[in-house]
Amino acid sequence: MISEVAANLLKKAGMEEKSLLAVIEGLYRRCQVVQTDLECHRTASRLRSEHSFSFWDSLIVAAALEANCRRLYSEDMQHGQVVDHRLTIMNPLLAETI
């Protein structure tokens, strides 16, 4: 997801490269970053079969599960959906989420 954030900051927000790198470095310092390895891809494949997630969404959900997250904020996935009885997808743009 860091790549997605970075791409949007560059393209949509027009952030300068130096500032973008500072944001990326800050995310690595403050957050648990889950790399997509073979196990993550296996989980993503299962999630695509069970929930019809897109390829990229399934990788994001698989990484969140691997990191033991309880909530995943996404405006693109189904608000309130619970995955594997432990991860709830929340739309951050809905008032009830705040």
PDB file of N, CA and C in Angstrom:
ATOM      1  N   MET A   1       0.812  -1.191   0.000  1.00  0.00           N
ATOM      2  CA  MET A   1       0.000   0.000   0.000  1.00  0.00           C
ATOM      3  C   MET A   1       0.857   1.257   0.000  1.00  0.00           C
ATOM      4  N   ILE A   2       2.095   1.144   0.457  1.00  0.00           N
ATOM      5  CA  ILE A   2       2.972   2.310   0.425  1.00  0.00           C
ATOM      6  C   ILE A   2       3.154   2.775  -1.016  1.00  0.00           C
ATOM      7  N   SER A   3       3.282   1.832  -1.931  1.00  0.00           N
ATOM      8  CA  SER A   3       3.444   2.186  -3.346  1.00  0.00           C
ATOM      9  C   SER A   3       2.215   2.915  -3.873  1.00  0.00           C
ATOM     10  N   GLU A   4       1.049   2.473  -3.470  1.00  0.00           N
ATOM     11  CA  GLU A   4      -0.202   3.111  -3.905  1.00  0.00           C
ATOM     12  C   GLU A   4      -0.295   4.533  -3.362  1.00  0.00           C
ATOM     13  N   VAL A   5       0.030   4.703  -2.090  1.00  0.00           N
ATOM     14  CA  VAL A   5       0.022   6.036  -1.482  1.00  0.00           C
ATOM     15  C   VAL A   5       1.020   6.937  -2.202  1.00  0.00           C
ATOM     16  N   ALA A   6       2.222   6.415  -2.425  1.00  0.00           N
ATOM     17  CA  ALA A   6       3.270   7.205  -3.077  1.00  0.00           C
ATOM     18  C   ALA A   6       2.859   7.618  -4.490  1.00  0.00           C
ATOM     19  N   ALA A   7       2.307   6.690  -5.241  1.00  0.00           N
ATOM     20  CA  ALA A   7       1.887   6.996  -6.615  1.00  0.00           C
ATOM     21  C   ALA A   7       0.828   8.094  -6.632  1.00  0.00           C
ATOM     22  N   ASN A   8      -0.119   8.030  -5.701  1.00  0.00           N
ATOM     23  CA  ASN A   8      -1.172   9.050  -5.642  1.00  0.00           C
ATOM     24  C   ASN A   8      -0.641  10.404  -5.177  1.00  0.00           C
ATOM     25  N   LEU A   9       0.306  10.388  -4.245  1.00  0.00           N
ATOM     26  CA  LEU A   9       0.891  11.651  -3.805  1.00  0.00           C
ATOM     27  C   LEU A   9       1.656  12.326  -4.940  1.00  0.00           C
ATOM     28  N   LEU A  10       2.332  11.526  -5.747  1.00  0.00           N
ATOM     29  CA  LEU A  10       3.057  12.079  -6.898  1.00  0.00           C
ATOM     30  C   LEU A  10       2.106  12.586  -7.969  1.00  0.00           C
ATOM     31  N   LYS A  11       1.189  11.721  -8.370  1.00  0.00           N
ATOM     32  CA  LYS A  11       0.344  12.018  -9.527  1.00  0.00           C
ATOM     33  C   LYS A  11      -0.801  12.976  -9.198  1.00  0.00           C
ATOM     34  N   LYS A  12      -1.547  12.662  -8.159  1.00  0.00           N
ATOM     35  CA  LYS A  12      -2.756  13.438  -7.870  1.00  0.00           C
ATOM     36  C   LYS A  12      -2.487  14.671  -7.007  1.00  0.00           C
ATOM     37  N   ALA A  13      -1.547  14.539  -6.059  1.00  0.00           N
ATOM     38  CA  ALA A  13      -1.285  15.657  -5.157  1.00  0.00           C
ATOM     39  C   ALA A  13      -0.101  16.509  -5.616  1.00  0.00           C
ATOM     40  N   GLY A  14       0.656  16.016  -6.601  1.00  0.00           N
ATOM     41  CA  GLY A  14       1.785  16.784  -7.119  1.00  0.00           C
ATOM     42  C   GLY A  14       2.919  16.967  -6.125  1.00  0.00           C
ATOM     43  N   MET A  15       3.083  16.016  -5.213  1.00  0.00           N
ATOM     44  CA  MET A  15       4.128  16.120  -4.204  1.00  0.00           C
ATOM     45  C   MET A  15       5.510  16.040  -4.851  1.00  0.00           C
ATOM     46  N   GLU A  16       6.441  16.808  -4.330  1.00  0.00           N
ATOM     47  CA  GLU A  16       7.814  16.778  -4.822  1.00  0.00           C
ATOM     48  C   GLU A  16       8.511  15.516  -4.326  1.00  0.00           C
ATOM     49  N   GLU A  17       9.479  15.055  -5.099  1.00  0.00           N
ATOM     50  CA  GLU A  17      10.169  13.796  -4.811  1.00  0.00           C
ATOM     51  C   GLU A  17      10.807  13.774  -3.423  1.00  0.00           C
ATOM     52  N   LYS A  18      11.443  14.857  -3.024  1.00  0.00           N
ATOM     53  CA  LYS A  18      12.100  14.913  -1.716  1.00  0.00           C
ATOM     54  C   LYS A  18      11.077  14.739  -0.586  1.00  0.00           C
ATOM     55  N   SER A  19       9.945  15.389  -0.715  1.00  0.00           N
ATOM     56  CA  SER A  19       8.884  15.266   0.293  1.00  0.00           C
ATOM     57  C   SER A  19       8.290  13.863   0.289  1.00  0.00           C
ATOM     58  N   LEU A  20       8.121  13.311  -0.905  1.00  0.00           N
ATOM     59  CA  LEU A  20       7.578  11.957  -1.017  1.00  0.00           C
ATOM     60  C   LEU A  20       8.482  10.949  -0.323  1.00  0.00           C
ATOM     61  N   LEU A  21       9.785  11.060  -0.550  1.00  0.00           N
ATOM     62  CA  LEU A  21      10.718  10.135   0.090  1.00  0.00           C
ATOM     63  C   LEU A  21      10.641  10.256   1.611  1.00  0.00           C
ATOM     64  N   ALA A  22      10.474  11.464   2.120  1.00  0.00           N
ATOM     65  CA  ALA A  22      10.337  11.662   3.567  1.00  0.00           C
ATOM     66  C   ALA A  22       9.081  10.968   4.091  1.00  0.00           C
ATOM     67  N   VAL A  23       7.986  11.041   3.345  1.00  0.00           N
ATOM     68  CA  VAL A  23       6.747  10.354   3.738  1.00  0.00           C
ATOM     69  C   VAL A  23       6.972   8.844   3.762  1.00  0.00           C
ATOM     70  N   ILE A  24       7.587   8.314   2.710  1.00  0.00           N
ATOM     71  CA  ILE A  24       7.840   6.868   2.629  1.00  0.00           C
ATOM     72  C   ILE A  24       8.728   6.411   3.779  1.00  0.00           C
ATOM     73  N   GLU A  25       9.804   7.137   4.039  1.00  0.00           N
ATOM     74  CA  GLU A  25      10.703   6.774   5.138  1.00  0.00           C
ATOM     75  C   GLU A  25       9.970   6.825   6.475  1.00  0.00           C
ATOM     76  N   GLY A  26       9.099   7.810   6.649  1.00  0.00           N
ATOM     77  CA  GLY A  26       8.313   7.910   7.876  1.00  0.00           C
ATOM     78  C   GLY A  26       7.381   6.727   8.057  1.00  0.00           C
ATOM     79  N   LEU A  27       6.772   6.281   6.969  1.00  0.00           N
ATOM     80  CA  LEU A  27       5.893   5.111   7.053  1.00  0.00           C
ATOM     81  C   LEU A  27       6.673   3.864   7.462  1.00  0.00           C
ATOM     82  N   TYR A  28       7.857   3.690   6.905  1.00  0.00           N
ATOM     83  CA  TYR A  28       8.676   2.529   7.272  1.00  0.00           C
ATOM     84  C   TYR A  28       9.109   2.591   8.736  1.00  0.00           C
ATOM     85  N   ARG A  29       9.358   3.796   9.262  1.00  0.00           N
ATOM     86  CA  ARG A  29       9.757   3.923  10.669  1.00  0.00           C
ATOM     87  C   ARG A  29       8.590   3.656  11.617  1.00  0.00           C
ATOM     88  N   ARG A  30       7.399   4.100  11.247  1.00  0.00           N
ATOM     89  CA  ARG A  30       6.263   4.075  12.169  1.00  0.00           C
ATOM     90  C   ARG A  30       5.334   2.868  12.027  1.00  0.00           C
ATOM     91  N   CYS A  31       5.413   2.189  10.905  1.00  0.00           N
ATOM     92  CA  CYS A  31       4.438   1.135  10.624  1.00  0.00           C
ATOM     93  C   CYS A  31       5.110  -0.218  10.418  1.00  0.00           C
ATOM     94  N   GLN A  32       4.362  -1.254  10.700  1.00  0.00           N
ATOM     95  CA  GLN A  32       4.816  -2.598  10.359  1.00  0.00           C
ATOM     96  C   GLN A  32       4.562  -2.786   8.867  1.00  0.00           C
ATOM     97  N   VAL A  33       5.626  -2.999   8.115  1.00  0.00           N
ATOM     98  CA  VAL A  33       5.507  -3.166   6.667  1.00  0.00           C
ATOM     99  C   VAL A  33       5.585  -4.654   6.351  1.00  0.00           C
ATOM    100  N   VAL A  34       4.546  -5.165   5.712  1.00  0.00           N
ATOM    101  CA  VAL A  34       4.481  -6.583   5.356  1.00  0.00           C
ATOM    102  C   VAL A  34       4.857  -6.724   3.890  1.00  0.00           C
ATOM    103  N   GLN A  35       5.891  -7.509   3.634  1.00  0.00           N
ATOM    104  CA  GLN A  35       6.318  -7.762   2.259  1.00  0.00           C
ATOM    105  C   GLN A  35       5.430  -8.844   1.651  1.00  0.00           C
ATOM    106  N   THR A  36       5.200  -8.768   0.367  1.00  0.00           N
ATOM    107  CA  THR A  36       4.404  -9.799  -0.297  1.00  0.00           C
ATOM    108  C   THR A  36       5.319 -10.956  -0.687  1.00  0.00           C
ATOM    109  N   ASP A  37       5.229 -12.023   0.081  1.00  0.00           N
ATOM    110  CA  ASP A  37       6.010 -13.223  -0.181  1.00  0.00           C
ATOM    111  C   ASP A  37       5.080 -14.322  -0.704  1.00  0.00           C
ATOM    112  N   LEU A  38       5.608 -15.520  -0.854  1.00  0.00           N
ATOM    113  CA  LEU A  38       4.811 -16.619  -1.393  1.00  0.00           C
ATOM    114  C   LEU A  38       3.583 -16.895  -0.532  1.00  0.00           C
ATOM    115  N   GLU A  39       3.739 -16.887   0.781  1.00  0.00           N
ATOM    116  CA  GLU A  39       2.600 -17.157   1.664  1.00  0.00           C
ATOM    117  C   GLU A  39       1.515 -16.087   1.513  1.00  0.00           C
ATOM    118  N   CYS A  40       1.936 -14.851   1.350  1.00  0.00           N
ATOM    119  CA  CYS A  40       0.974 -13.761   1.140  1.00  0.00           C
ATOM    120  C   CYS A  40       0.204 -13.982  -0.163  1.00  0.00           C
ATOM    121  N   HIS A  41       0.904 -14.424  -1.205  1.00  0.00           N
ATOM    122  CA  HIS A  41       0.233 -14.700  -2.478  1.00  0.00           C
ATOM    123  C   HIS A  41      -0.710 -15.894  -2.364  1.00  0.00           C
ATOM    124  N   ARG A  42      -0.349 -16.888  -1.571  1.00  0.00           N
ATOM    125  CA  ARG A  42      -1.251 -18.034  -1.358  1.00  0.00           C
ATOM    126  C   ARG A  42      -2.524 -17.581  -0.656  1.00  0.00           C
ATOM    127  N   THR A  43      -2.355 -16.772   0.374  1.00  0.00           N
ATOM    128  CA  THR A  43      -3.524 -16.250   1.086  1.00  0.00           C
ATOM    129  C   THR A  43      -4.375 -15.394   0.152  1.00  0.00           C
ATOM    130  N   ALA A  44      -3.730 -14.560  -0.642  1.00  0.00           N
ATOM    131  CA  ALA A  44      -4.460 -13.709  -1.588  1.00  0.00           C
ATOM    132  C   ALA A  44      -5.248 -14.548  -2.589  1.00  0.00           C
ATOM    133  N   SER A  45      -4.666 -15.639  -3.046  1.00  0.00           N
ATOM    134  CA  SER A  45      -5.359 -16.527  -3.987  1.00  0.00           C
ATOM    135  C   SER A  45      -6.614 -17.111  -3.349  1.00  0.00           C
ATOM    136  N   ARG A  46      -6.481 -17.553  -2.098  1.00  0.00           N
ATOM    137  CA  ARG A  46      -7.636 -18.093  -1.370  1.00  0.00           C
ATOM    138  C   ARG A  46      -8.710 -17.020  -1.208  1.00  0.00           C
ATOM    139  N   LEU A  47      -8.287 -15.813  -0.876  1.00  0.00           N
ATOM    140  CA  LEU A  47      -9.240 -14.716  -0.682  1.00  0.00           C
ATOM    141  C   LEU A  47      -9.969 -14.359  -1.972  1.00  0.00           C
ATOM    142  N   ARG A  48      -9.265 -14.416  -3.096  1.00  0.00           N
ATOM    143  CA  ARG A  48      -9.930 -14.151  -4.379  1.00  0.00           C
ATOM    144  C   ARG A  48     -10.998 -15.201  -4.652  1.00  0.00           C
ATOM    145  N   SER A  49     -10.698 -16.450  -4.314  1.00  0.00           N
ATOM    146  CA  SER A  49     -11.676 -17.527  -4.527  1.00  0.00           C
ATOM    147  C   SER A  49     -12.877 -17.394  -3.598  1.00  0.00           C
ATOM    148  N   GLU A  50     -12.618 -17.050  -2.351  1.00  0.00           N
ATOM    149  CA  GLU A  50     -13.686 -17.003  -1.350  1.00  0.00           C
ATOM    150  C   GLU A  50     -14.510 -15.717  -1.387  1.00  0.00           C
ATOM    151  N   HIS A  51     -13.880 -14.604  -1.749  1.00  0.00           N
ATOM    152  CA  HIS A  51     -14.548 -13.299  -1.620  1.00  0.00           C
ATOM    153  C   HIS A  51     -14.631 -12.512  -2.921  1.00  0.00           C
ATOM    154  N   SER A  52     -14.089 -13.044  -3.987  1.00  0.00           N
ATOM    155  CA  SER A  52     -14.077 -12.362  -5.291  1.00  0.00           C
ATOM    156  C   SER A  52     -13.373 -11.008  -5.254  1.00  0.00           C
ATOM    157  N   PHE A  53     -12.350 -10.889  -4.407  1.00  0.00           N
ATOM    158  CA  PHE A  53     -11.547  -9.669  -4.393  1.00  0.00           C
ATOM    159  C   PHE A  53     -10.768  -9.556  -5.695  1.00  0.00           C
ATOM    160  N   SER A  54     -10.422  -8.338  -6.077  1.00  0.00           N
ATOM    161  CA  SER A  54      -9.525  -8.140  -7.213  1.00  0.00           C
ATOM    162  C   SER A  54      -8.128  -8.622  -6.809  1.00  0.00           C
ATOM    163  N   PHE A  55      -7.255  -8.729  -7.784  1.00  0.00           N
ATOM    164  CA  PHE A  55      -5.889  -9.178  -7.499  1.00  0.00           C
ATOM    165  C   PHE A  55      -5.233  -8.284  -6.451  1.00  0.00           C
ATOM    166  N   TRP A  56      -5.241  -6.971  -6.684  1.00  0.00           N
ATOM    167  CA  TRP A  56      -4.562  -6.047  -5.774  1.00  0.00           C
ATOM    168  C   TRP A  56      -5.250  -5.973  -4.418  1.00  0.00           C
ATOM    169  N   ASP A  57      -6.572  -5.951  -4.394  1.00  0.00           N
ATOM    170  CA  ASP A  57      -7.283  -5.925  -3.113  1.00  0.00           C
ATOM    171  C   ASP A  57      -6.994  -7.178  -2.300  1.00  0.00           C
ATOM    172  N   SER A  58      -6.897  -8.321  -2.962  1.00  0.00           N
ATOM    173  CA  SER A  58      -6.616  -9.562  -2.229  1.00  0.00           C
ATOM    174  C   SER A  58      -5.238  -9.519  -1.590  1.00  0.00           C
ATOM    175  N   LEU A  59      -4.259  -8.907  -2.253  1.00  0.00           N
ATOM    176  CA  LEU A  59      -2.924  -8.774  -1.658  1.00  0.00           C
ATOM    177  C   LEU A  59      -2.947  -7.834  -0.461  1.00  0.00           C
ATOM    178  N   ILE A  60      -3.705  -6.763  -0.563  1.00  0.00           N
ATOM    179  CA  ILE A  60      -3.821  -5.824   0.556  1.00  0.00           C
ATOM    180  C   ILE A  60      -4.469  -6.508   1.753  1.00  0.00           C
ATOM    181  N   VAL A  61      -5.543  -7.238   1.525  1.00  0.00           N
ATOM    182  CA  VAL A  61      -6.235  -7.940   2.612  1.00  0.00           C
ATOM    183  C   VAL A  61      -5.334  -9.025   3.193  1.00  0.00           C
ATOM    184  N   ALA A  62      -4.630  -9.762   2.353  1.00  0.00           N
ATOM    185  CA  ALA A  62      -3.722 -10.810   2.832  1.00  0.00           C
ATOM    186  C   ALA A  62      -2.630 -10.212   3.715  1.00  0.00           C
ATOM    187  N   ALA A  63      -2.076  -9.084   3.315  1.00  0.00           N
ATOM    188  CA  ALA A  63      -1.045  -8.426   4.118  1.00  0.00           C
ATOM    189  C   ALA A  63      -1.616  -7.941   5.449  1.00  0.00           C
ATOM    190  N   ALA A  64      -2.828  -7.417   5.431  1.00  0.00           N
ATOM    191  CA  ALA A  64      -3.470  -6.973   6.674  1.00  0.00           C
ATOM    192  C   ALA A  64      -3.698  -8.148   7.617  1.00  0.00           C
ATOM    193  N   LEU A  65      -4.113  -9.278   7.073  1.00  0.00           N
ATOM    194  CA  LEU A  65      -4.296 -10.476   7.899  1.00  0.00           C
ATOM    195  C   LEU A  65      -2.966 -10.933   8.480  1.00  0.00           C
ATOM    196  N   GLU A  66      -1.914 -10.920   7.659  1.00  0.00           N
ATOM    197  CA  GLU A  66      -0.596 -11.337   8.135  1.00  0.00           C
ATOM    198  C   GLU A  66      -0.092 -10.434   9.253  1.00  0.00           C
ATOM    199  N   ALA A  67      -0.442  -9.154   9.186  1.00  0.00           N
ATOM    200  CA  ALA A  67      -0.026  -8.193  10.205  1.00  0.00           C
ATOM    201  C   ALA A  67      -0.953  -8.196  11.419  1.00  0.00           C
ATOM    202  N   ASN A  68      -1.939  -9.102  11.423  1.00  0.00           N
ATOM    203  CA  ASN A  68      -2.906  -9.217  12.519  1.00  0.00           C
ATOM    204  C   ASN A  68      -3.710  -7.937  12.746  1.00  0.00           C
ATOM    205  N   CYS A  69      -4.012  -7.249  11.659  1.00  0.00           N
ATOM    206  CA  CYS A  69      -4.858  -6.052  11.750  1.00  0.00           C
ATOM    207  C   CYS A  69      -6.295  -6.464  12.054  1.00  0.00           C
ATOM    208  N   ARG A  70      -6.990  -5.617  12.779  1.00  0.00           N
ATOM    209  CA  ARG A  70      -8.405  -5.857  13.053  1.00  0.00           C
ATOM    210  C   ARG A  70      -9.289  -5.066  12.113  1.00  0.00           C
ATOM    211  N   ARG A  71      -8.765  -3.940  11.588  1.00  0.00           N
ATOM    212  CA  ARG A  71      -9.515  -3.098  10.660  1.00  0.00           C
ATOM    213  C   ARG A  71      -8.647  -2.766   9.457  1.00  0.00           C
ATOM    214  N   LEU A  72      -9.316  -2.686   8.310  1.00  0.00           N
ATOM    215  CA  LEU A  72      -8.665  -2.256   7.076  1.00  0.00           C
ATOM    216  C   LEU A  72      -9.537  -1.168   6.472  1.00  0.00           C
ATOM    217  N   TYR A  73      -8.968   0.002   6.282  1.00  0.00           N
ATOM    218  CA  TYR A  73      -9.719   1.123   5.737  1.00  0.00           C
ATOM    219  C   TYR A  73      -9.538   1.177   4.223  1.00  0.00           C
ATOM    220  N   SER A  74     -10.651   1.116   3.509  1.00  0.00           N
ATOM    221  CA  SER A  74     -10.637   1.166   2.048  1.00  0.00           C
ATOM    222  C   SER A  74     -11.963   1.718   1.549  1.00  0.00           C
ATOM    223  N   GLU A  75     -11.881   2.640   0.618  1.00  0.00           N
ATOM    224  CA  GLU A  75     -13.115   3.156   0.016  1.00  0.00           C
ATOM    225  C   GLU A  75     -13.557   2.280  -1.144  1.00  0.00           C
ATOM    226  N   ASP A  76     -12.719   1.328  -1.549  1.00  0.00           N
ATOM    227  CA  ASP A  76     -13.001   0.502  -2.728  1.00  0.00           C
ATOM    228  C   ASP A  76     -13.613  -0.855  -2.408  1.00  0.00           C
ATOM    229  N   MET A  77     -13.512  -1.293  -1.174  1.00  0.00           N
ATOM    230  CA  MET A  77     -14.037  -2.609  -0.800  1.00  0.00           C
ATOM    231  C   MET A  77     -15.345  -2.445  -0.035  1.00  0.00           C
ATOM    232  N   GLN A  78     -16.011  -3.557   0.229  1.00  0.00           N
ATOM    233  CA  GLN A  78     -17.335  -3.535   0.860  1.00  0.00           C
ATOM    234  C   GLN A  78     -17.240  -3.156   2.333  1.00  0.00           C
ATOM    235  N   HIS A  79     -17.844  -2.030   2.684  1.00  0.00           N
ATOM    236  CA  HIS A  79     -17.851  -1.560   4.071  1.00  0.00           C
ATOM    237  C   HIS A  79     -18.527  -2.590   4.977  1.00  0.00           C
ATOM    238  N   GLY A  80     -17.880  -2.908   6.081  1.00  0.00           N
ATOM    239  CA  GLY A  80     -18.443  -3.827   7.062  1.00  0.00           C
ATOM    240  C   GLY A  80     -18.150  -5.291   6.800  1.00  0.00           C
ATOM    241  N   GLN A  81     -17.554  -5.603   5.661  1.00  0.00           N
ATOM    242  CA  GLN A  81     -17.238  -7.003   5.358  1.00  0.00           C
ATOM    243  C   GLN A  81     -16.196  -7.515   6.349  1.00  0.00           C
ATOM    244  N   VAL A  82     -16.428  -8.700   6.877  1.00  0.00           N
ATOM    245  CA  VAL A  82     -15.494  -9.330   7.803  1.00  0.00           C
ATOM    246  C   VAL A  82     -14.809 -10.479   7.073  1.00  0.00           C
ATOM    247  N   VAL A  83     -13.490 -10.491   7.135  1.00  0.00           N
ATOM    248  CA  VAL A  83     -12.692 -11.502   6.444  1.00  0.00           C
ATOM    249  C   VAL A  83     -12.017 -12.389   7.483  1.00  0.00           C
ATOM    250  N   ASP A  84     -12.161 -13.681   7.315  1.00  0.00           N
ATOM    251  CA  ASP A  84     -11.560 -14.690   8.206  1.00  0.00           C
ATOM    252  C   ASP A  84     -11.931 -14.472   9.673  1.00  0.00           C
ATOM    253  N   HIS A  85     -13.106 -13.953   9.928  1.00  0.00           N
ATOM    254  CA  HIS A  85     -13.647 -13.753  11.284  1.00  0.00           C
ATOM    255  C   HIS A  85     -12.780 -12.835  12.142  1.00  0.00           C
ATOM    256  N   ARG A  86     -11.894 -12.009  11.502  1.00  0.00           N
ATOM    257  CA  ARG A  86     -11.014 -11.181  12.334  1.00  0.00           C
ATOM    258  C   ARG A  86     -10.620  -9.842  11.738  1.00  0.00           C
ATOM    259  N   LEU A  87     -10.901  -9.617  10.473  1.00  0.00           N
ATOM    260  CA  LEU A  87     -10.537  -8.354   9.836  1.00  0.00           C
ATOM    261  C   LEU A  87     -11.797  -7.713   9.264  1.00  0.00           C
ATOM    262  N   THR A  88     -12.091  -6.494   9.714  1.00  0.00           N
ATOM    263  CA  THR A  88     -13.273  -5.782   9.233  1.00  0.00           C
ATOM    264  C   THR A  88     -12.846  -4.675   8.289  1.00  0.00           C
ATOM    265  N   ILE A  89     -13.461  -4.655   7.119  1.00  0.00           N
ATOM    266  CA  ILE A  89     -13.173  -3.618   6.137  1.00  0.00           C
ATOM    267  C   ILE A  89     -14.075  -2.425   6.424  1.00  0.00           C
ATOM    268  N   MET A  90     -13.464  -1.253   6.513  1.00  0.00           N
ATOM    269  CA  MET A  90     -14.183  -0.029   6.852  1.00  0.00           C
ATOM    270  C   MET A  90     -13.946   1.011   5.763  1.00  0.00           C
ATOM    271  N   ASN A  91     -15.011   1.681   5.347  1.00  0.00           N
ATOM    272  CA  ASN A  91     -14.883   2.771   4.391  1.00  0.00           C
ATOM    273  C   ASN A  91     -14.637   4.054   5.179  1.00  0.00           C
ATOM    274  N   PRO A  92     -13.456   4.661   5.038  1.00  0.00           N
ATOM    275  CA  PRO A  92     -13.147   5.855   5.837  1.00  0.00           C
ATOM    276  C   PRO A  92     -13.967   7.080   5.440  1.00  0.00           C
ATOM    277  N   LEU A  93     -14.651   7.016   4.315  1.00  0.00           N
ATOM    278  CA  LEU A  93     -15.435   8.164   3.853  1.00  0.00           C
ATOM    279  C   LEU A  93     -16.855   8.173   4.395  1.00  0.00           C
ATOM    280  N   LEU A  94     -17.258   7.103   5.075  1.00  0.00           N
ATOM    281  CA  LEU A  94     -18.593   7.046   5.663  1.00  0.00           C
ATOM    282  C   LEU A  94     -18.566   7.660   7.053  1.00  0.00           C
ATOM    283  N   ALA A  95     -19.570   8.451   7.371  1.00  0.00           N
ATOM    284  CA  ALA A  95     -19.628   9.143   8.661  1.00  0.00           C
ATOM    285  C   ALA A  95     -19.603   8.171   9.826  1.00  0.00           C
ATOM    286  N   GLU A  96     -20.230   7.007   9.672  1.00  0.00           N
ATOM    287  CA  GLU A  96     -20.293   6.049  10.783  1.00  0.00           C
ATOM    288  C   GLU A  96     -18.931   5.450  11.114  1.00  0.00           C
ATOM    289  N   THR A  97     -17.965   5.562  10.211  1.00  0.00           N
ATOM    290  CA  THR A  97     -16.635   5.012  10.428  1.00  0.00           C
ATOM    291  C   THR A  97     -15.812   5.895  11.347  1.00  0.00           C
ATOM    292  N   ILE A  98     -16.109   7.176  11.344  1.00  0.00           N
ATOM    293  CA  ILE A  98     -15.312   8.147  12.108  1.00  0.00           C
ATOM    294  C   ILE A  98     -15.577   8.026  13.588  1.00  0.00           C
TER     295      ILE A  98
END
